[in-house]
Amino acid sequence: MVISSDFSITRCKDGSPQRNFLSMTCMVLFGMLSLTSFTGCDRAPATPSAVENVSKRSAEEVRLVRFPLDEVARSGITLEPAVRTAFRTYRTFPGVVRPNENALANITTLVRGRVAEVHADLGQMVKAKQILAVLHSGDLGLAQSAYLKARARRHVAEQAYQRAQFLFKEKVIGQAEEQRREGEMISIRAEAQEALEGLRLLGMDDKEIKSLERTQTIRSQVPIVAPFAGRVIARDLTKGELVETTHKLFAVADLSTVWVVANVSEKDVSYVQRATAVPNQPVEVRVTAYPNDVFQGTVLYVGDVLDTATRTMQVRLAMENSTGRLKPEMFATIRVSSEPAADILVVPEAAIQHDRDRSFIFVQQEPGVFEPRTIKVGEKNGIFAEVLEGLREGEIVVKEGAFTLKSELLKPKD
């Protein structure tokens, strides 16, 4: 640092130089300035970001938005105090309405045959044990014939063994013959039992088998019946068609309750697990078909394995559907809410304004005077937002009309 040492000099009568009092004072001041400057060189200069932050805060504090009281009323500006309250958040996930698989039956035939009659159509309500279709099956007729033959042979073999036992006691035949007759009877009994099980595998119950034994009448017709009351949601057969045992003929579902299966992204898995930890907690469901209606469901199952392709986890809900408004394959959205957290400082979401990466609200300093206040926002729930920093409980914030104040704030200065 260069300091000028110029100062005024006067001379005495004898010619010797004399420094005046003002000049001496300047020298002292220059020395003090020099000492102060050299001492300050050891300090780190203020960073630009710190200066900018100070300037920004100063600008926010200085630039208040002022509105005449009558203009405040006309602009629709409403005020509300920041409060601490119980606060709960939610997440929404896409889903699809599905039939309740515990009340869904995919009906096939147990025997190969040709469709002789069809009695049920798609969308029809059916009762339990109601006949849906009738097949004509040669395989069933052959199985019944084989059972009747095996039963007759069993009867003959049993009679022959009884005679052999009597003759052996009377010493008419030897023991070897008696044992041979016994072996034949045991073998034929096994064949009859095998034929009986074959009929059961083809769908005949004990009542039908008893009727076959009594009447000796072979029946090749196979009735396809509904296992329970419900609605026919699928039909895949026509009259005269040859169907195999792998062919799904009908699907019958009881739609008085339905499932909603939703997909949860990997980042929200922990949230859903915490939120659904309480048994039978209700979950809101909205469907595209009824945008103004909110349905209630309960969580049945939270998946344990993520889908490797979509990186999502399944959540299954059960929903009451006695009115039948919810149809399988409808698109749905579920809203899972967390347990309420106590003593959280919140403001209305409508009060929060954004400017680039900054969130701020307007705080009333006095009637008609509003301060733009930068805040740090936490979770939101569609109505309120959690405030982490920048606001105190009880301060009055602008709830409605904040956008009007924002427009006024962002006007260029004259």
Protein backbone atom coordinates (compact mmCIF):
# COMPACT_ATOMS: atom_id res chain seq x y z
CA MET A 1 0.00 0.00 0.00
CA VAL A 2 1.38 3.42 -0.96
CA ILE A 3 0.58 6.30 1.33
CA SER A 4 1.27 9.86 0.31
CA SER A 5 3.41 11.73 2.83
CA ASP A 6 2.80 15.19 1.45
CA PHE A 7 1.88 17.73 4.05
CA SER A 8 2.39 21.47 4.48
CA ILE A 9 5.65 22.84 5.90
CA THR A 10 6.28 26.34 7.23
CA ARG A 11 9.58 27.95 8.09
CA CYS A 12 10.52 30.03 11.10
CA LYS A 13 12.06 33.51 10.91
CA ASP A 14 15.52 31.96 11.13
CA GLY A 15 14.73 29.76 8.08
CA SER A 16 14.38 26.42 9.93
CA PRO A 17 11.46 24.18 8.78
CA GLN A 18 8.42 23.95 11.04
CA ARG A 19 5.57 21.39 10.62
CA ASN A 20 2.19 22.80 11.45
CA PHE A 21 -0.34 21.05 13.68
CA LEU A 22 -2.64 20.10 10.80
CA SER A 23 0.19 18.39 8.99
CA MET A 24 1.11 16.37 12.06
CA THR A 25 -2.47 15.29 12.46
CA CYS A 26 -2.59 14.01 8.86
CA MET A 27 0.54 11.93 9.45
CA VAL A 28 -1.04 10.26 12.47
CA LEU A 29 -4.20 9.49 10.54
CA PHE A 30 -2.21 8.04 7.60
CA GLY A 31 -0.35 5.80 10.03
CA MET A 32 -3.50 4.51 11.62
CA LEU A 33 -5.00 3.77 8.21
CA SER A 34 -1.87 1.94 7.17
CA LEU A 35 -1.89 -0.23 10.27
CA THR A 36 -5.55 -1.09 9.81
CA SER A 37 -5.07 -1.98 6.14
CA PHE A 38 -2.11 -4.26 6.75
CA THR A 39 -3.90 -6.04 9.57
CA GLY A 40 -6.98 -6.68 7.38
CA CYS A 41 -4.92 -8.34 4.65
CA ASP A 42 -4.63 -11.50 6.73
CA ARG A 43 -8.40 -12.06 6.72
CA ALA A 44 -10.17 -14.19 4.08
CA PRO A 45 -12.31 -12.13 1.71
CA ALA A 46 -16.09 -12.66 1.80
CA THR A 47 -17.25 -15.28 -0.66
CA PRO A 48 -19.51 -14.17 -3.53
CA SER A 49 -22.22 -16.64 -2.49
CA ALA A 50 -22.37 -15.24 1.01
CA VAL A 51 -22.65 -11.73 -0.38
CA GLU A 52 -25.37 -12.83 -2.76
CA ASN A 53 -27.31 -14.52 0.04
CA VAL A 54 -27.10 -11.43 2.20
CA SER A 55 -28.20 -9.31 -0.74
CA LYS A 56 -31.07 -11.67 -1.50
CA ARG A 57 -32.31 -11.64 2.08
CA SER A 58 -31.97 -7.92 2.24
CA ALA A 59 -33.92 -7.55 -1.00
CA GLU A 60 -36.68 -9.83 0.29
CA GLU A 61 -36.91 -7.95 3.55
CA VAL A 62 -36.89 -4.58 1.88
CA ARG A 63 -39.27 -5.29 -0.98
CA LEU A 64 -42.58 -5.73 0.77
CA VAL A 65 -45.81 -5.90 -1.17
CA ARG A 66 -48.23 -3.18 -0.14
CA PHE A 67 -51.91 -3.26 -1.02
CA PRO A 68 -54.63 -0.81 -0.01
CA LEU A 69 -57.10 -2.50 2.33
CA ASP A 70 -59.99 -2.09 -0.08
CA GLU A 71 -57.85 -3.60 -2.87
CA VAL A 72 -57.05 -6.59 -0.63
CA ALA A 73 -60.75 -7.35 -0.27
CA ARG A 74 -61.44 -6.94 -3.99
CA SER A 75 -58.51 -9.21 -4.96
CA GLY A 76 -59.96 -12.12 -2.99
CA ILE A 77 -56.98 -12.36 -0.65
CA THR A 78 -57.71 -14.53 2.38
CA LEU A 79 -55.50 -15.07 5.42
CA GLU A 80 -54.88 -18.03 7.69
CA PRO A 81 -52.48 -18.56 10.60
CA ALA A 82 -49.76 -21.22 10.42
CA VAL A 83 -50.71 -23.93 12.92
CA ARG A 84 -49.31 -27.13 14.34
CA THR A 85 -51.60 -30.11 13.93
CA ALA A 86 -51.75 -33.85 13.23
CA PHE A 87 -50.57 -34.33 9.64
CA ARG A 88 -50.78 -37.33 7.35
CA THR A 89 -49.43 -37.79 3.85
CA TYR A 90 -50.45 -40.06 1.00
CA ARG A 91 -49.14 -41.66 -2.17
CA THR A 92 -51.14 -42.62 -5.26
CA PHE A 93 -50.52 -45.71 -7.38
CA PRO A 94 -52.08 -47.00 -10.62
CA GLY A 95 -54.11 -50.20 -10.50
CA VAL A 96 -56.68 -52.38 -12.26
CA VAL A 97 -59.95 -53.89 -11.05
CA ARG A 98 -59.82 -57.70 -11.03
CA PRO A 99 -62.35 -60.41 -10.12
CA ASN A 100 -61.99 -61.83 -6.63
CA GLU A 101 -60.00 -64.97 -7.41
CA ASN A 102 -61.46 -66.70 -4.36
CA ALA A 103 -64.87 -66.40 -6.03
CA LEU A 104 -63.79 -67.09 -9.63
CA ALA A 105 -64.13 -70.39 -11.47
CA ASN A 106 -62.60 -71.25 -14.84
CA ILE A 107 -64.83 -74.14 -15.94
CA THR A 108 -63.43 -76.94 -18.08
CA THR A 109 -64.62 -80.44 -18.88
CA LEU A 110 -63.19 -83.58 -17.32
CA VAL A 111 -63.91 -85.63 -20.44
CA ARG A 112 -63.41 -85.06 -24.14
CA GLY A 113 -66.68 -84.50 -26.00
CA ARG A 114 -68.78 -82.61 -28.49
CA VAL A 115 -70.98 -79.66 -27.46
CA ALA A 116 -74.62 -80.74 -27.70
CA GLU A 117 -76.34 -77.85 -25.90
CA VAL A 118 -75.42 -74.37 -24.64
CA HIS A 119 -77.63 -72.81 -21.97
CA ALA A 120 -75.59 -69.86 -20.65
CA ASP A 121 -74.48 -66.71 -22.41
CA LEU A 122 -71.87 -64.06 -21.67
CA GLY A 123 -72.93 -61.69 -18.87
CA GLN A 124 -75.74 -63.94 -17.65
CA MET A 125 -76.36 -64.39 -13.92
CA VAL A 126 -76.43 -68.08 -12.98
CA LYS A 127 -77.26 -70.03 -9.83
CA ALA A 128 -75.23 -72.72 -8.12
CA LYS A 129 -75.47 -76.11 -9.93
CA GLN A 130 -77.23 -74.51 -12.90
CA ILE A 131 -76.50 -76.29 -16.19
CA LEU A 132 -74.40 -74.12 -18.50
CA ALA A 133 -73.89 -76.60 -21.35
CA VAL A 134 -74.20 -80.27 -22.21
CA LEU A 135 -71.53 -82.36 -23.94
CA HIS A 136 -71.90 -85.69 -25.71
CA SER A 137 -68.91 -87.89 -24.84
CA GLY A 138 -68.15 -91.31 -26.22
CA ASP A 139 -65.30 -91.61 -23.73
CA LEU A 140 -67.74 -91.35 -20.83
CA GLY A 141 -69.97 -94.03 -22.36
CA LEU A 142 -67.00 -96.37 -22.76
CA ALA A 143 -65.95 -95.74 -19.16
CA GLN A 144 -69.43 -96.57 -17.87
CA SER A 145 -69.53 -99.73 -19.98
CA ALA A 146 -66.14 -100.79 -18.65
CA TYR A 147 -67.29 -100.28 -15.07
CA LEU A 148 -70.46 -102.35 -15.55
CA LYS A 149 -68.41 -105.19 -17.08
CA ALA A 150 -65.83 -105.05 -14.29
CA ARG A 151 -68.59 -105.09 -11.68
CA ALA A 152 -70.19 -108.15 -13.32
CA ARG A 153 -66.85 -110.00 -13.41
CA ARG A 154 -66.30 -109.13 -9.79
CA HIS A 155 -69.66 -110.65 -8.89
CA VAL A 156 -68.83 -113.87 -10.75
CA ALA A 157 -65.38 -114.09 -9.17
CA GLU A 158 -66.77 -113.58 -5.67
CA GLN A 159 -69.37 -116.35 -6.20
CA ALA A 160 -66.70 -118.69 -7.56
CA TYR A 161 -64.46 -118.10 -4.57
CA GLN A 162 -67.33 -118.78 -2.14
CA ARG A 163 -67.99 -122.16 -3.88
CA ALA A 164 -64.28 -122.93 -3.79
CA GLN A 165 -64.21 -122.32 -0.03
CA PHE A 166 -67.14 -124.72 0.46
CA LEU A 167 -65.63 -127.43 -1.74
CA PHE A 168 -62.27 -127.09 0.01
CA LYS A 169 -63.94 -127.64 3.40
CA GLU A 170 -65.68 -130.72 1.98
CA LYS A 171 -62.28 -131.87 0.66
CA VAL A 172 -63.61 -131.97 -2.88
CA ILE A 173 -60.86 -129.66 -4.21
CA GLY A 174 -57.37 -129.04 -2.98
CA GLN A 175 -56.01 -125.91 -1.31
CA ALA A 176 -54.21 -124.81 -4.48
CA GLU A 177 -57.49 -124.53 -6.39
CA GLU A 178 -59.09 -122.61 -3.54
CA GLN A 179 -56.18 -120.13 -3.53
CA ARG A 180 -56.33 -119.74 -7.29
CA ARG A 181 -59.99 -118.75 -7.11
CA GLU A 182 -59.16 -116.29 -4.33
CA GLY A 183 -56.43 -114.68 -6.46
CA GLU A 184 -58.78 -114.26 -9.41
CA MET A 185 -61.35 -112.59 -7.18
CA ILE A 186 -58.80 -110.13 -5.75
CA SER A 187 -57.57 -109.21 -9.24
CA ILE A 188 -61.06 -108.64 -10.61
CA ARG A 189 -62.00 -106.56 -7.56
CA ALA A 190 -59.02 -104.30 -8.30
CA GLU A 191 -60.16 -103.90 -11.90
CA ALA A 192 -63.67 -102.93 -10.75
CA GLN A 193 -62.27 -100.39 -8.31
CA GLU A 194 -60.11 -98.91 -11.04
CA ALA A 195 -63.14 -98.57 -13.32
CA LEU A 196 -65.09 -96.92 -10.48
CA GLU A 197 -62.32 -94.33 -9.91
CA GLY A 198 -62.26 -93.70 -13.65
CA LEU A 199 -65.92 -92.68 -13.54
CA ARG A 200 -65.23 -90.31 -10.64
CA LEU A 201 -62.36 -88.73 -12.54
CA LEU A 202 -64.72 -88.11 -15.44
CA GLY A 203 -67.03 -86.15 -13.16
CA MET A 204 -69.63 -88.70 -12.06
CA ASP A 205 -70.57 -88.45 -8.39
CA ASP A 206 -71.66 -91.31 -6.11
CA LYS A 207 -75.35 -90.63 -6.73
CA GLU A 208 -74.89 -90.95 -10.50
CA ILE A 209 -72.82 -94.10 -10.10
CA LYS A 210 -75.49 -95.71 -7.89
CA SER A 211 -78.06 -94.86 -10.55
CA LEU A 212 -75.85 -96.47 -13.21
CA GLU A 213 -75.54 -99.66 -11.12
CA ARG A 214 -79.28 -99.79 -10.51
CA THR A 215 -80.55 -99.00 -14.01
CA GLN A 216 -77.64 -100.47 -16.00
CA THR A 217 -78.20 -97.57 -18.44
CA ILE A 218 -75.15 -95.99 -20.07
CA ARG A 219 -75.37 -92.19 -20.25
CA SER A 220 -72.96 -90.38 -22.56
CA GLN A 221 -74.20 -86.83 -21.84
CA VAL A 222 -71.96 -84.65 -19.65
CA PRO A 223 -73.59 -81.62 -17.96
CA ILE A 224 -71.39 -78.55 -17.38
CA VAL A 225 -72.70 -76.82 -14.24
CA ALA A 226 -71.92 -73.61 -12.34
CA PRO A 227 -70.04 -74.30 -9.08
CA PHE A 228 -71.63 -71.29 -7.35
CA ALA A 229 -73.91 -68.35 -8.05
CA GLY A 230 -72.35 -65.59 -10.09
CA ARG A 231 -72.04 -63.96 -13.48
CA VAL A 232 -70.69 -65.55 -16.67
CA ILE A 233 -67.74 -63.31 -17.53
CA ALA A 234 -66.26 -65.52 -20.26
CA ARG A 235 -67.63 -68.10 -22.69
CA ASP A 236 -65.60 -70.00 -25.28
CA LEU A 237 -67.68 -72.72 -26.91
CA THR A 238 -70.30 -73.15 -29.65
CA LYS A 239 -72.77 -75.89 -30.39
CA GLY A 240 -71.25 -78.81 -32.28
CA GLU A 241 -67.69 -77.92 -31.29
CA LEU A 242 -65.35 -80.69 -30.13
CA VAL A 243 -63.71 -79.69 -26.86
CA GLU A 244 -60.74 -81.17 -25.02
CA THR A 245 -60.10 -81.35 -21.31
CA THR A 246 -57.68 -78.38 -21.57
CA HIS A 247 -60.34 -76.15 -23.14
CA LYS A 248 -61.75 -73.40 -20.84
CA LEU A 249 -65.48 -73.34 -21.57
CA PHE A 250 -66.78 -70.70 -19.14
CA ALA A 251 -65.58 -68.34 -16.45
CA VAL A 252 -68.05 -67.64 -13.65
CA ALA A 253 -67.32 -64.96 -11.05
CA ASP A 254 -69.11 -63.68 -7.98
CA LEU A 255 -68.58 -59.94 -8.44
CA SER A 256 -70.18 -58.88 -5.16
CA THR A 257 -66.58 -58.31 -4.07
CA VAL A 258 -63.68 -57.43 -6.36
CA TRP A 259 -59.95 -56.91 -6.07
CA VAL A 260 -57.93 -53.89 -7.09
CA VAL A 261 -54.34 -54.79 -7.92
CA ALA A 262 -51.96 -51.81 -7.87
CA ASN A 263 -48.28 -51.46 -8.74
CA VAL A 264 -45.99 -49.70 -6.27
CA SER A 265 -42.67 -48.32 -7.49
CA GLU A 266 -39.52 -49.45 -5.72
CA LYS A 267 -38.88 -46.08 -4.11
CA ASP A 268 -42.30 -46.18 -2.39
CA VAL A 269 -42.11 -49.73 -1.04
CA SER A 270 -41.05 -48.69 2.47
CA TYR A 271 -43.79 -46.04 2.61
CA VAL A 272 -46.51 -48.56 1.69
CA GLN A 273 -45.21 -51.11 4.20
CA ARG A 274 -45.37 -48.53 6.99
CA ALA A 275 -48.75 -47.16 5.91
CA THR A 276 -50.38 -50.61 5.67
CA ALA A 277 -48.96 -51.97 8.92
CA VAL A 278 -52.33 -51.35 10.63
CA PRO A 279 -54.75 -54.23 9.75
CA ASN A 280 -57.93 -53.38 7.82
CA GLN A 281 -56.88 -49.77 7.27
CA PRO A 282 -59.20 -48.23 4.65
CA VAL A 283 -57.67 -47.11 1.37
CA GLU A 284 -59.26 -44.69 -1.08
CA VAL A 285 -59.85 -45.94 -4.62
CA ARG A 286 -60.85 -43.88 -7.64
CA VAL A 287 -61.74 -45.29 -11.06
CA THR A 288 -61.70 -43.53 -14.39
CA ALA A 289 -65.33 -44.44 -15.09
CA TYR A 290 -66.57 -42.54 -12.02
CA PRO A 291 -64.18 -39.59 -11.56
CA ASN A 292 -66.32 -37.91 -8.89
CA ASP A 293 -66.77 -40.98 -6.69
CA VAL A 294 -64.41 -42.29 -4.02
CA PHE A 295 -64.56 -45.98 -3.10
CA GLN A 296 -63.13 -47.62 0.01
CA GLY A 297 -61.03 -50.77 0.06
CA THR A 298 -58.91 -52.72 2.52
CA VAL A 299 -55.40 -54.04 1.94
CA LEU A 300 -55.31 -57.84 1.59
CA TYR A 301 -51.74 -58.38 0.50
CA VAL A 302 -48.51 -56.45 0.07
CA GLY A 303 -46.09 -58.18 -2.27
CA ASP A 304 -42.80 -59.68 -1.13
CA VAL A 305 -41.08 -59.80 -4.53
CA LEU A 306 -40.58 -57.04 -7.09
CA ASP A 307 -41.26 -57.54 -10.77
CA THR A 308 -37.86 -57.72 -12.44
CA ALA A 309 -39.08 -55.98 -15.60
CA THR A 310 -41.03 -53.07 -14.11
CA ARG A 311 -39.30 -52.83 -10.70
CA THR A 312 -42.70 -52.59 -9.02
CA MET A 313 -44.40 -54.43 -6.18
CA GLN A 314 -48.04 -55.53 -6.14
CA VAL A 315 -50.58 -54.38 -3.57
CA ARG A 316 -53.97 -56.11 -3.51
CA LEU A 317 -57.15 -54.53 -2.14
CA ALA A 318 -60.57 -56.03 -1.49
CA MET A 319 -63.62 -53.90 -2.32
CA GLU A 320 -67.34 -54.34 -1.77
CA ASN A 321 -69.25 -54.27 -5.08
CA SER A 322 -72.84 -55.20 -4.34
CA THR A 323 -74.07 -52.60 -6.84
CA GLY A 324 -71.93 -54.06 -9.62
CA ARG A 325 -70.54 -50.67 -10.66
CA LEU A 326 -66.94 -51.86 -10.57
CA LYS A 327 -66.16 -53.95 -13.63
CA PRO A 328 -63.10 -56.20 -14.08
CA GLU A 329 -60.27 -54.54 -16.05
CA MET A 330 -61.32 -50.98 -15.15
CA PHE A 331 -58.37 -48.65 -14.53
CA ALA A 332 -58.13 -47.43 -10.95
CA THR A 333 -55.95 -45.25 -8.72
CA ILE A 334 -55.41 -46.07 -5.07
CA ARG A 335 -54.42 -43.54 -2.43
CA VAL A 336 -52.47 -44.94 0.52
CA SER A 337 -52.37 -42.61 3.53
CA SER A 338 -49.79 -42.71 6.29
CA GLU A 339 -50.44 -42.70 10.00
CA PRO A 340 -50.92 -39.10 11.26
CA ALA A 341 -47.80 -37.44 12.70
CA ALA A 342 -48.48 -35.11 15.64
CA ASP A 343 -47.42 -31.47 16.10
CA ILE A 344 -46.44 -30.63 12.52
CA LEU A 345 -46.31 -27.00 11.36
CA VAL A 346 -48.44 -26.72 8.22
CA VAL A 347 -49.78 -24.14 5.78
CA PRO A 348 -52.35 -24.53 2.99
CA GLU A 349 -50.80 -25.81 -0.24
CA ALA A 350 -52.55 -22.98 -2.09
CA ALA A 351 -50.45 -20.49 -0.11
CA ILE A 352 -47.13 -21.76 -1.50
CA GLN A 353 -45.70 -20.00 -4.54
CA HIS A 354 -42.68 -21.01 -6.60
CA ASP A 355 -40.03 -19.03 -8.43
CA ARG A 356 -37.47 -21.29 -10.12
CA ASP A 357 -36.06 -23.49 -7.35
CA ARG A 358 -37.43 -21.31 -4.55
CA SER A 359 -40.64 -21.87 -2.58
CA PHE A 360 -42.10 -18.94 -0.70
CA ILE A 361 -45.22 -17.66 0.98
CA PHE A 362 -46.57 -14.23 1.82
CA VAL A 363 -46.64 -13.37 5.51
CA GLN A 364 -48.76 -10.43 6.67
CA GLN A 365 -46.66 -7.91 8.59
CA GLU A 366 -49.55 -5.52 9.12
CA PRO A 367 -52.87 -4.98 7.36
CA GLY A 368 -52.13 -4.46 3.66
CA VAL A 369 -48.39 -5.18 4.00
CA PHE A 370 -47.06 -8.61 3.02
CA GLU A 371 -43.56 -10.06 3.21
CA PRO A 372 -42.42 -12.74 0.72
CA ARG A 373 -40.83 -15.40 2.93
CA THR A 374 -38.69 -18.26 1.59
CA ILE A 375 -39.57 -21.57 3.28
CA LYS A 376 -38.44 -25.17 3.15
CA VAL A 377 -41.36 -27.45 2.30
CA GLY A 378 -41.67 -31.07 3.45
CA GLU A 379 -44.46 -33.53 2.69
CA LYS A 380 -47.78 -32.56 1.08
CA ASN A 381 -51.20 -34.17 1.19
CA GLY A 382 -53.20 -32.16 -1.33
CA ILE A 383 -54.59 -29.75 1.26
CA PHE A 384 -51.73 -28.82 3.58
CA ALA A 385 -47.95 -28.79 3.26
CA GLU A 386 -45.40 -29.35 5.99
CA VAL A 387 -43.10 -26.37 6.68
CA LEU A 388 -39.62 -27.35 7.85
CA GLU A 389 -37.94 -23.94 7.93
CA GLY A 390 -38.73 -20.24 7.48
CA LEU A 391 -41.99 -19.85 9.39
CA ARG A 392 -43.20 -19.73 12.98
CA GLU A 393 -46.44 -20.98 14.43
CA GLY A 394 -49.15 -18.33 14.55
CA GLU A 395 -47.78 -16.14 11.75
CA ILE A 396 -50.51 -15.01 9.33
CA VAL A 397 -50.01 -16.25 5.78
CA VAL A 398 -51.93 -15.54 2.59
CA LYS A 399 -54.05 -18.58 1.72
CA GLU A 400 -55.97 -17.39 -1.35
CA GLY A 401 -54.81 -14.66 -3.70
CA ALA A 402 -51.08 -15.32 -3.24
CA PHE A 403 -50.63 -15.37 -7.01
CA THR A 404 -51.86 -11.76 -7.19
CA LEU A 405 -49.21 -10.75 -4.67
CA LYS A 406 -46.59 -12.74 -6.56
CA SER A 407 -47.42 -10.87 -9.77
CA GLU A 408 -47.06 -7.59 -7.93
CA LEU A 409 -43.78 -8.72 -6.39
CA LEU A 410 -42.24 -9.72 -9.71
CA LYS A 411 -43.10 -6.47 -11.46
CA PRO A 412 -39.91 -4.69 -12.55
CA LYS A 413 -38.90 -1.77 -10.38
CA ASP A 414 -39.26 1.70 -11.85
